[in-house]
N, C-alpha and C. Protein backbone atom coordinates (compact mmCIF):
# COMPACT_ATOMS: atom_id res chain seq x y z
N MET A 1 145.06 49.16 290.97
CA MET A 1 145.92 48.01 291.57
C MET A 1 145.48 46.47 292.10
N ARG A 2 144.50 47.48 292.46
CA ARG A 2 143.07 46.28 293.47
C ARG A 2 143.06 45.43 291.65
N MET A 3 142.87 45.86 290.71
CA MET A 3 142.51 45.06 289.86
C MET A 3 142.94 43.63 289.70
N THR A 4 144.46 44.72 289.91
CA THR A 4 145.67 43.68 289.05
C THR A 4 146.15 42.21 290.44
N LYS A 5 145.15 42.51 291.82
CA LYS A 5 145.11 41.94 292.47
C LYS A 5 144.30 40.64 292.45
N LEU A 6 143.19 41.23 292.45
CA LEU A 6 142.58 40.65 291.57
C LEU A 6 142.84 39.64 290.81
N THR A 7 143.28 40.00 289.30
CA THR A 7 143.45 38.83 288.75
C THR A 7 144.55 38.21 288.61
N LEU A 8 145.89 38.93 289.74
CA LEU A 8 147.25 37.33 290.06
C LEU A 8 146.11 36.77 290.64
N LEU A 9 144.37 36.68 291.85
CA LEU A 9 144.33 35.29 292.65
C LEU A 9 143.98 34.82 291.71
N ILE A 10 142.88 34.76 291.09
CA ILE A 10 142.29 34.17 289.77
C ILE A 10 143.48 33.40 289.57
N ALA A 11 144.56 34.07 288.73
CA ALA A 11 145.36 32.72 288.44
C ALA A 11 145.92 31.83 289.01
N MET A 12 146.28 32.77 290.31
CA MET A 12 147.01 31.68 291.07
C MET A 12 145.55 30.48 291.14
N LEU A 13 144.14 31.16 291.96
CA LEU A 13 143.87 30.37 291.99
C LEU A 13 143.62 29.01 290.58
N ALA A 14 144.00 29.68 289.87
CA ALA A 14 143.48 28.29 288.40
C ALA A 14 144.35 27.14 288.48
N LEU A 15 146.40 27.84 288.98
CA LEU A 15 146.81 27.03 288.37
C LEU A 15 147.28 26.56 290.14
N ALA A 16 146.06 26.25 291.26
CA ALA A 16 145.91 25.42 291.98
C ALA A 16 145.11 24.16 291.60
N ALA A 17 144.07 25.03 291.23
CA ALA A 17 143.10 23.43 290.47
C ALA A 17 143.87 23.14 289.77
N ALA A 18 144.84 23.46 288.69
CA ALA A 18 145.33 22.88 287.33
C ALA A 18 145.72 21.83 288.54
N THR A 19 147.29 22.40 289.03
CA THR A 19 148.27 21.45 289.40
C THR A 19 147.65 20.11 290.67
N PHE A 20 146.39 20.94 291.40
CA PHE A 20 146.44 19.88 292.66
C PHE A 20 144.70 20.01 292.46
N GLY A 21 144.91 18.91 291.02
CA GLY A 21 142.79 18.46 291.02
C GLY A 21 142.82 17.37 291.93
N CYS A 22 141.73 16.93 291.68
CA CYS A 22 141.28 16.06 292.99
C CYS A 22 141.67 14.75 291.52
N LYS A 23 142.10 13.96 292.61
CA LYS A 23 142.95 12.78 292.21
C LYS A 23 140.74 11.99 292.50
N GLY A 24 140.90 10.69 290.85
CA GLY A 24 140.18 10.34 291.04
C GLY A 24 139.51 10.43 290.92
N SER A 25 138.95 11.68 290.44
CA SER A 25 137.58 12.87 289.44
C SER A 25 137.60 12.90 288.31
N SER A 26 135.90 12.65 288.24
CA SER A 26 135.81 12.60 286.64
C SER A 26 136.87 13.42 285.24
N GLN A 27 136.86 14.89 286.06
CA GLN A 27 137.38 15.68 285.29
C GLN A 27 138.46 15.56 284.34
N GLN A 28 138.37 15.70 283.37
CA GLN A 28 139.44 15.27 282.43
C GLN A 28 140.87 16.39 282.70
N SER A 29 141.86 15.32 282.43
CA SER A 29 143.14 16.34 282.62
C SER A 29 144.29 16.25 281.80
N ASN A 30 145.50 16.44 280.86
CA ASN A 30 145.38 16.12 280.19
C ASN A 30 147.21 16.50 279.91
N THR A 31 148.30 15.74 281.15
CA THR A 31 149.49 16.96 281.25
C THR A 31 149.98 15.82 280.28
N ASN A 32 151.36 17.25 280.27
CA ASN A 32 151.96 16.26 278.61
C ASN A 32 152.91 15.64 279.95
N GLN A 33 154.51 15.61 278.76
CA GLN A 33 156.24 15.52 279.57
C GLN A 33 156.24 16.44 279.68
N ALA A 34 157.55 16.98 280.08
CA ALA A 34 158.03 18.24 280.61
C ALA A 34 159.59 17.49 279.43
N GLN A 35 159.21 19.92 279.13
CA GLN A 35 160.35 19.31 277.44
C GLN A 35 161.32 19.99 278.49
N VAL A 36 162.12 19.32 278.12
CA VAL A 36 163.41 20.60 278.16
C VAL A 36 164.31 21.33 277.50
N LYS A 37 164.50 22.84 277.84
CA LYS A 37 164.60 23.93 276.76
C LYS A 37 165.67 24.18 276.35
N ALA A 38 166.69 24.51 275.34
CA ALA A 38 168.05 24.66 275.38
C ALA A 38 168.50 25.17 276.94
N ASP A 39 168.25 26.12 277.73
CA ASP A 39 168.29 26.23 278.80
C ASP A 39 168.64 25.87 279.76
N ASN A 40 168.43 24.66 279.91
CA ASN A 40 168.23 23.37 280.91
C ASN A 40 166.89 24.19 281.35
N SER A 41 165.79 25.27 281.14
CA SER A 41 164.41 25.34 282.04
C SER A 41 163.81 24.22 281.56
N THR A 42 162.39 23.32 282.25
CA THR A 42 162.23 22.56 281.64
C THR A 42 160.46 23.71 281.96
N VAL A 43 159.34 23.37 280.52
CA VAL A 43 158.27 23.03 280.89
C VAL A 43 157.32 22.16 280.31
N THR A 44 156.78 22.30 281.36
CA THR A 44 155.04 21.34 281.26
C THR A 44 153.61 21.75 281.33
N LEU A 45 152.70 21.23 281.80
CA LEU A 45 151.70 21.59 280.75
C LEU A 45 150.15 21.02 281.26
N ASP A 46 149.53 21.56 280.85
CA ASP A 46 147.98 21.11 282.37
C ASP A 46 147.47 21.71 281.60
N GLU A 47 145.85 20.86 281.65
CA GLU A 47 145.16 21.73 280.19
C GLU A 47 143.67 20.70 280.93
N LYS A 48 142.64 21.64 282.00
CA LYS A 48 141.90 21.09 282.54
C LYS A 48 140.37 22.18 282.41
N GLU A 49 139.59 21.41 282.16
CA GLU A 49 138.59 22.37 282.23
C GLU A 49 138.33 23.74 281.08
N GLY A 50 138.91 23.58 280.42
CA GLY A 50 139.14 24.65 279.51
C GLY A 50 139.75 25.87 278.95
N TYR A 51 140.80 25.87 280.61
CA TYR A 51 142.65 26.16 280.93
C TYR A 51 143.97 25.36 280.97
N LYS A 52 143.84 26.36 280.57
CA LYS A 52 145.17 25.52 279.61
C LYS A 52 146.38 26.53 280.84
N THR A 53 147.58 25.49 281.54
CA THR A 53 148.49 25.45 282.04
C THR A 53 149.84 25.28 282.23
N GLU A 54 150.67 26.32 281.45
CA GLU A 54 151.93 25.67 281.26
C GLU A 54 153.20 26.99 282.34
N VAL A 55 153.78 25.36 282.56
CA VAL A 55 154.75 26.03 283.92
C VAL A 55 156.26 25.73 283.70
N ARG A 56 156.56 26.63 283.27
CA ARG A 56 158.17 26.92 283.04
C ARG A 56 159.76 26.82 284.52
N ALA A 57 160.18 26.03 283.80
CA ALA A 57 160.82 25.40 285.97
C ALA A 57 162.53 26.56 285.37
N PHE A 58 163.39 27.01 286.15
CA PHE A 58 164.64 27.50 285.65
C PHE A 58 165.71 26.50 286.87
N PRO A 59 166.52 26.02 286.25
CA PRO A 59 167.34 25.68 287.37
C PRO A 59 168.70 25.73 288.13
N SER A 60 168.58 27.23 287.39
CA SER A 60 169.35 28.34 288.25
C SER A 60 169.42 29.38 288.39
N GLY A 61 169.18 30.92 288.63
CA GLY A 61 169.76 31.92 287.62
C GLY A 61 168.20 33.15 288.68
N ASP A 62 168.30 34.20 288.38
CA ASP A 62 167.29 35.19 288.69
C ASP A 62 166.08 34.72 289.29
N ILE A 63 165.36 33.98 288.00
CA ILE A 63 164.16 33.10 287.97
C ILE A 63 163.56 31.70 288.28
N ALA A 64 162.64 31.69 289.93
CA ALA A 64 162.65 30.13 290.00
C ALA A 64 161.25 30.12 288.66
N LYS A 65 159.81 30.53 288.49
CA LYS A 65 159.71 30.10 287.58
C LYS A 65 158.59 30.64 286.85
N VAL A 66 158.55 31.15 285.63
CA VAL A 66 157.04 31.13 285.67
C VAL A 66 156.03 30.61 284.64
N THR A 67 154.90 30.91 284.86
CA THR A 67 153.64 30.21 284.56
C THR A 67 152.47 30.88 283.57
N ARG A 68 152.30 30.62 283.15
CA ARG A 68 150.96 31.44 281.91
C ARG A 68 150.03 30.35 281.51
N VAL A 69 148.95 31.14 281.76
CA VAL A 69 147.92 30.62 282.14
C VAL A 69 146.62 30.86 281.09
N THR A 70 146.26 30.49 280.18
CA THR A 70 145.83 30.46 279.23
C THR A 70 144.15 30.10 279.11
N ARG A 71 143.00 31.83 279.45
CA ARG A 71 142.20 31.02 280.24
C ARG A 71 141.16 30.21 278.78
N PRO A 72 139.94 29.34 279.27
CA PRO A 72 138.78 28.72 278.42
C PRO A 72 138.90 30.06 277.09
N ASN A 73 138.02 31.64 277.57
CA ASN A 73 138.32 32.85 276.40
C ASN A 73 139.45 33.22 275.61
N GLY A 74 140.00 32.52 276.39
CA GLY A 74 141.82 32.98 275.83
C GLY A 74 142.57 34.21 275.79
N ASN A 75 142.17 34.52 276.89
CA ASN A 75 142.59 35.57 277.62
C ASN A 75 143.57 34.39 278.20
N ARG A 76 145.35 35.96 278.68
CA ARG A 76 146.00 35.08 278.98
C ARG A 76 146.61 36.21 280.10
N VAL A 77 147.24 34.95 281.68
CA VAL A 77 147.96 35.36 282.76
C VAL A 77 149.93 35.04 281.96
N VAL A 78 150.36 35.84 282.77
CA VAL A 78 151.97 35.62 282.85
C VAL A 78 152.52 35.71 284.05
N LEU A 79 152.53 34.48 285.05
CA LEU A 79 153.30 35.41 286.03
C LEU A 79 154.96 35.01 286.39
N VAL A 80 155.75 35.58 287.07
CA VAL A 80 156.77 35.68 286.88
C VAL A 80 157.90 35.28 288.23
N GLU A 81 157.72 34.16 288.80
CA GLU A 81 158.84 34.59 290.50
C GLU A 81 159.52 33.80 290.02
N TYR A 82 160.64 34.78 291.66
CA TYR A 82 162.09 35.13 290.84
C TYR A 82 162.46 34.39 292.63
N ARG A 83 163.18 33.15 292.65
CA ARG A 83 164.08 33.41 294.00
C ARG A 83 163.54 32.88 295.24
N ASP A 84 164.54 34.80 295.10
CA ASP A 84 164.57 35.02 296.73
C ASP A 84 163.57 35.35 297.15
N ASN A 85 162.17 35.82 295.73
CA ASN A 85 160.94 36.74 296.21
C ASN A 85 159.76 35.73 296.08
N PRO A 86 159.04 35.08 296.49
CA PRO A 86 157.77 34.14 296.13
C PRO A 86 156.72 34.46 296.22
N GLN A 87 156.78 36.32 295.76
CA GLN A 87 155.89 37.08 295.88
C GLN A 87 155.46 36.80 293.23
N PRO A 88 154.95 36.28 293.21
CA PRO A 88 154.61 36.55 291.22
C PRO A 88 154.38 37.78 290.85
N VAL A 89 155.74 38.15 290.35
CA VAL A 89 154.84 39.25 289.77
C VAL A 89 154.50 39.29 287.64
N GLU A 90 153.23 39.36 288.09
CA GLU A 90 152.08 39.68 286.12
C GLU A 90 153.03 40.73 284.63
N VAL A 91 152.96 39.71 284.56
CA VAL A 91 153.98 40.20 283.11
C VAL A 91 152.33 40.91 282.06
N LYS A 92 152.73 41.81 282.07
CA LYS A 92 151.72 43.24 280.77
C LYS A 92 151.75 43.09 279.01
N ASP A 93 153.44 42.94 278.85
CA ASP A 93 153.92 43.36 278.07
C ASP A 93 153.51 41.92 276.57
N PRO A 94 152.56 42.27 275.79
CA PRO A 94 151.36 41.52 275.03
C PRO A 94 152.14 40.24 273.79
N ASP A 95 153.98 41.00 274.34
CA ASP A 95 154.98 40.49 273.42
C ASP A 95 155.36 39.42 273.88
N ILE A 96 155.88 39.22 275.89
CA ILE A 96 156.17 38.31 276.57
C ILE A 96 155.16 37.56 277.04
N ILE A 97 154.52 37.47 277.06
CA ILE A 97 153.08 37.24 277.30
C ILE A 97 153.06 35.95 275.90
N ASP A 98 153.44 36.16 275.02
CA ASP A 98 153.18 35.66 273.74
C ASP A 98 154.41 34.64 273.97
N ARG A 99 155.32 34.85 274.34
CA ARG A 99 156.56 34.02 273.86
C ARG A 99 157.07 33.61 275.89
N ALA A 100 156.61 33.51 276.55
CA ALA A 100 156.30 33.53 277.94
C ALA A 100 157.30 32.36 277.79
N MET A 101 157.67 31.31 277.17
CA MET A 101 157.80 29.86 277.28
C MET A 101 158.99 29.41 276.27
N ASP A 102 159.20 30.29 276.21
CA ASP A 102 160.69 30.31 275.08
C ASP A 102 161.68 32.17 274.99
N ALA A 103 161.23 32.73 275.90
CA ALA A 103 161.69 34.30 276.10
C ALA A 103 162.78 33.54 277.22
N THR A 104 163.99 34.67 276.27
CA THR A 104 165.30 34.41 277.79
C THR A 104 165.28 35.12 279.24
N ALA A 105 165.53 34.68 279.99
CA ALA A 105 165.40 33.92 281.49
C ALA A 105 165.50 36.50 281.07
N ASP A 106 166.08 36.52 280.23
CA ASP A 106 166.75 38.14 280.87
C ASP A 106 164.99 38.65 279.99
N GLU A 107 165.07 38.15 279.28
CA GLU A 107 163.64 38.62 279.25
C GLU A 107 162.49 38.94 279.59
N LEU A 108 162.64 37.99 280.14
CA LEU A 108 161.55 37.82 281.55
C LEU A 108 161.77 38.84 281.99
N LYS A 109 162.51 38.35 282.94
CA LYS A 109 163.33 39.68 284.30
C LYS A 109 162.68 41.32 283.75
N ALA A 110 163.29 41.86 282.45
CA ALA A 110 162.84 43.11 282.03
C ALA A 110 161.08 43.03 282.29
N ALA A 111 161.05 42.56 281.74
CA ALA A 111 159.82 42.36 281.32
C ALA A 111 158.59 42.43 283.23
N ALA A 112 159.23 41.25 284.22
CA ALA A 112 159.11 41.77 284.81
C ALA A 112 159.12 42.16 285.77
N GLY A 113 160.27 43.58 285.85
CA GLY A 113 160.33 44.23 286.68
C GLY A 113 160.29 45.52 286.13
N ALA A 114 159.69 45.46 285.02
CA ALA A 114 159.31 46.47 284.40
C ALA A 114 157.60 47.30 285.08
N ALA A 115 156.79 45.59 284.96
CA ALA A 115 156.08 45.09 286.05
C ALA A 115 155.99 45.75 287.14
N LYS A 116 157.01 44.90 287.72
CA LYS A 116 157.47 45.71 289.39
C LYS A 116 157.17 47.09 289.56
N GLY A 117 158.09 47.49 288.66
CA GLY A 117 158.43 48.96 288.85
C GLY A 117 157.33 49.22 288.42
N ALA A 118 156.07 49.60 288.24
CA ALA A 118 155.05 49.84 288.23
C ALA A 118 154.54 50.45 289.34
N GLY A 119 154.22 49.11 289.59
CA GLY A 119 153.58 48.44 291.04
C GLY A 119 153.75 48.54 292.36
N ALA A 120 154.92 49.35 292.57
CA ALA A 120 155.94 50.30 293.66
C ALA A 120 156.15 51.11 292.97
N THR A 121 155.77 52.00 291.91
CA THR A 121 155.91 53.42 291.65
C THR A 121 154.17 53.98 291.74
N VAL A 122 152.80 52.42 291.23
CA VAL A 122 151.78 53.37 292.30
C VAL A 122 151.36 52.87 293.47
N GLY A 123 152.61 52.33 293.96
CA GLY A 123 152.53 52.06 296.29
C GLY A 123 153.24 52.88 296.51
N ASP A 124 154.38 53.48 295.75
CA ASP A 124 154.53 55.00 296.15
C ASP A 124 153.62 56.57 296.56
N LYS A 125 152.60 56.58 295.09
CA LYS A 125 152.17 56.76 295.57
C LYS A 125 150.88 57.19 296.20
N ALA A 126 150.33 55.95 296.44
CA ALA A 126 149.43 55.83 297.32
C ALA A 126 149.45 56.03 299.08
N GLU A 127 151.72 55.83 298.53
CA GLU A 127 151.55 55.87 300.80
C GLU A 127 151.90 57.21 300.41
N ASP A 128 152.16 58.55 299.27
CA ASP A 128 152.56 59.22 299.30
C ASP A 128 150.86 59.94 299.66
N VAL A 129 150.15 59.90 299.02
CA VAL A 129 148.43 60.72 299.66
C VAL A 129 147.95 60.30 300.55
N ALA A 130 148.49 58.94 301.11
CA ALA A 130 148.27 58.39 302.23
C ALA A 130 148.97 59.36 303.95
N GLY A 131 149.98 59.49 303.52
CA GLY A 131 150.92 60.59 304.22
C GLY A 131 149.66 61.36 303.98
N LYS A 132 149.58 62.59 303.58
CA LYS A 132 149.17 63.24 303.11
C LYS A 132 147.40 64.02 303.41
N VAL A 133 147.09 62.82 303.94
CA VAL A 133 145.78 62.23 304.14
C VAL A 133 146.32 62.28 306.05
N GLY A 134 147.04 61.46 306.12
CA GLY A 134 146.97 61.43 307.18
C GLY A 134 147.85 62.92 307.95
N GLU A 135 147.86 63.95 307.68
CA GLU A 135 149.11 65.28 307.73
C GLU A 135 147.66 66.05 308.35
N GLY A 136 146.62 66.39 307.58
CA GLY A 136 144.78 67.07 306.97
C GLY A 136 145.07 66.53 308.30
N ALA A 137 144.78 64.86 308.28
CA ALA A 137 144.06 64.01 309.65
C ALA A 137 143.73 64.35 311.32
N LYS A 138 145.36 64.92 310.81
CA LYS A 138 145.40 65.08 312.40
C LYS A 138 145.71 66.48 312.87
N GLN A 139 146.18 67.65 311.48
CA GLN A 139 145.83 68.99 312.13
C GLN A 139 143.86 69.29 312.36
N ALA A 140 143.77 68.74 311.21
CA ALA A 140 141.62 68.48 312.14
C ALA A 140 141.73 68.21 313.00
N ALA A 141 141.82 67.13 313.60
CA ALA A 141 142.11 66.63 314.95
C ALA A 141 142.25 68.25 316.02
N SER A 142 143.97 68.27 315.76
CA SER A 142 144.15 69.40 316.47
C SER A 142 143.03 70.62 316.62
N GLU A 143 142.53 70.83 315.55
CA GLU A 143 141.45 72.11 315.30
C GLU A 143 140.09 71.50 316.21
N ALA A 144 139.57 70.52 315.65
CA ALA A 144 138.81 70.26 317.02
C ALA A 144 139.01 70.26 317.97
N LYS A 145 139.97 69.74 318.68
CA LYS A 145 140.77 69.47 319.59
C LYS A 145 140.18 71.31 320.49
N ASP A 146 140.75 72.45 319.74
CA ASP A 146 140.87 74.44 319.87
C ASP A 146 139.69 74.38 319.52
N VAL A 147 138.97 74.26 318.98
CA VAL A 147 137.86 74.70 318.81
C VAL A 147 136.86 73.61 320.12
N ALA A 148 137.18 72.56 320.50
CA ALA A 148 136.20 72.19 321.77
C ALA A 148 136.72 73.03 323.51
N ALA A 149 137.43 73.02 323.17
CA ALA A 149 138.10 73.49 324.95
C ALA A 149 137.71 74.86 324.16
N ASP A 150 137.27 75.89 323.23
CA ASP A 150 136.65 77.18 322.85
C ASP A 150 135.96 76.59 323.41
N ALA A 151 135.54 76.17 323.76
CA ALA A 151 133.48 75.87 323.25
C ALA A 151 132.76 75.15 324.90
N ALA A 152 133.82 74.00 325.74
CA ALA A 152 133.76 74.27 327.37
C ALA A 152 134.12 75.23 328.08
N GLU A 153 135.60 75.90 327.59
CA GLU A 153 135.77 77.27 328.45
C GLU A 153 134.69 78.84 328.43
N ALA A 154 133.63 78.59 326.68
CA ALA A 154 132.22 79.05 326.56
C ALA A 154 131.14 78.87 327.90
N THR A 155 130.90 77.19 327.54
CA THR A 155 129.84 76.90 328.30
C THR A 155 129.91 77.36 329.44
N GLY A 156 131.38 77.26 330.63
CA GLY A 156 131.88 77.18 331.01
C GLY A 156 131.43 78.73 331.63
N LYS A 157 131.40 79.85 331.44
CA LYS A 157 131.42 81.25 331.37
C LYS A 157 129.28 81.17 330.83
N ALA A 158 129.55 81.03 330.76
CA ALA A 158 128.25 80.98 330.79
C ALA A 158 127.73 79.96 331.79
N ALA A 159 128.01 79.06 332.30
CA ALA A 159 127.01 78.43 333.90
C ALA A 159 127.51 79.00 334.94
N LYS A 160 128.22 79.35 334.52
CA LYS A 160 128.96 80.55 335.14
C LYS A 160 128.23 81.74 335.44
N LYS A 161 127.83 82.38 334.82
CA LYS A 161 126.63 83.56 334.38
C LYS A 161 125.08 83.16 334.84
N THR A 162 125.44 82.18 334.31
CA THR A 162 123.60 81.26 335.41
C THR A 162 123.22 80.64 336.63
N GLY A 163 124.55 80.41 337.03
CA GLY A 163 124.99 80.45 338.66
C GLY A 163 124.16 81.11 339.03
N LYS A 164 125.04 82.60 338.51
CA LYS A 164 125.15 83.87 339.79
C LYS A 164 123.63 84.39 338.94
N ALA A 165 123.35 84.14 338.29
CA ALA A 165 121.67 84.85 338.08
C ALA A 165 120.63 83.94 338.87
N VAL A 166 121.11 82.87 339.27
CA VAL A 166 119.99 82.04 339.41
C VAL A 166 120.01 82.39 340.65
N LYS A 167 121.02 82.48 341.36
CA LYS A 167 121.40 82.92 342.79
C LYS A 167 120.56 84.58 343.50
N LYS A 168 120.71 85.01 342.35
CA LYS A 168 120.09 86.68 342.56
C LYS A 168 118.67 86.83 342.73
N LEU A 169 118.08 85.40 342.06
CA LEU A 169 116.67 84.76 342.00
C LEU A 169 115.96 84.97 343.08
N GLY A 170 117.09 84.15 343.61
CA GLY A 170 116.98 82.37 344.48
C GLY A 170 117.22 84.12 345.72
N ASP A 171 117.87 85.12 346.37
CA ASP A 171 117.87 86.16 347.39
C ASP A 171 116.97 86.92 347.11
N LYS A 172 116.27 86.88 344.97
CA LYS A 172 114.78 88.20 345.74
C LYS A 172 113.81 87.58 345.54
N ILE A 173 112.84 86.05 345.79
CA ILE A 173 113.21 85.78 346.65
C ILE A 173 112.90 85.05 348.43
N LYS A 174 113.61 85.34 349.10
CA LYS A 174 113.91 85.59 349.68
C LYS A 174 113.62 86.69 350.04
């Protein structure tokens, strides 16, 4: 899960860098005009410093946009953003990654839903483990409290015996 978040963060940073590059900078950027698809989605392309960023925006429906970032080494990351939840979902299906700019909204939704479901399953398992660890910690704390109480009681008894012995010794010395 941590690696997925890291990959997502890198992709978002690459997208931000590609989208909001410095004005007047000497970095070369190649931005093509928007291409309108048959489903009225719009695809824009931006290339900067070896990164190719394609963004496909949907005018309506559950999916707001799909972003595909191709790194200089050829690796690709596809992120799907829903209208009702701007938290992007990374698509893992290699076929959809290749066809992200041409796939139907339903195909993209299914692929993102599968990735979203896998993340939820991992999250549920982590929550279960955390719950069990929490229960174990509570039990251990309770047992430690009991042991500490027993130790305090034993220490009190020992101190009382020591006090009596010192008193007897004091009486003998007088």
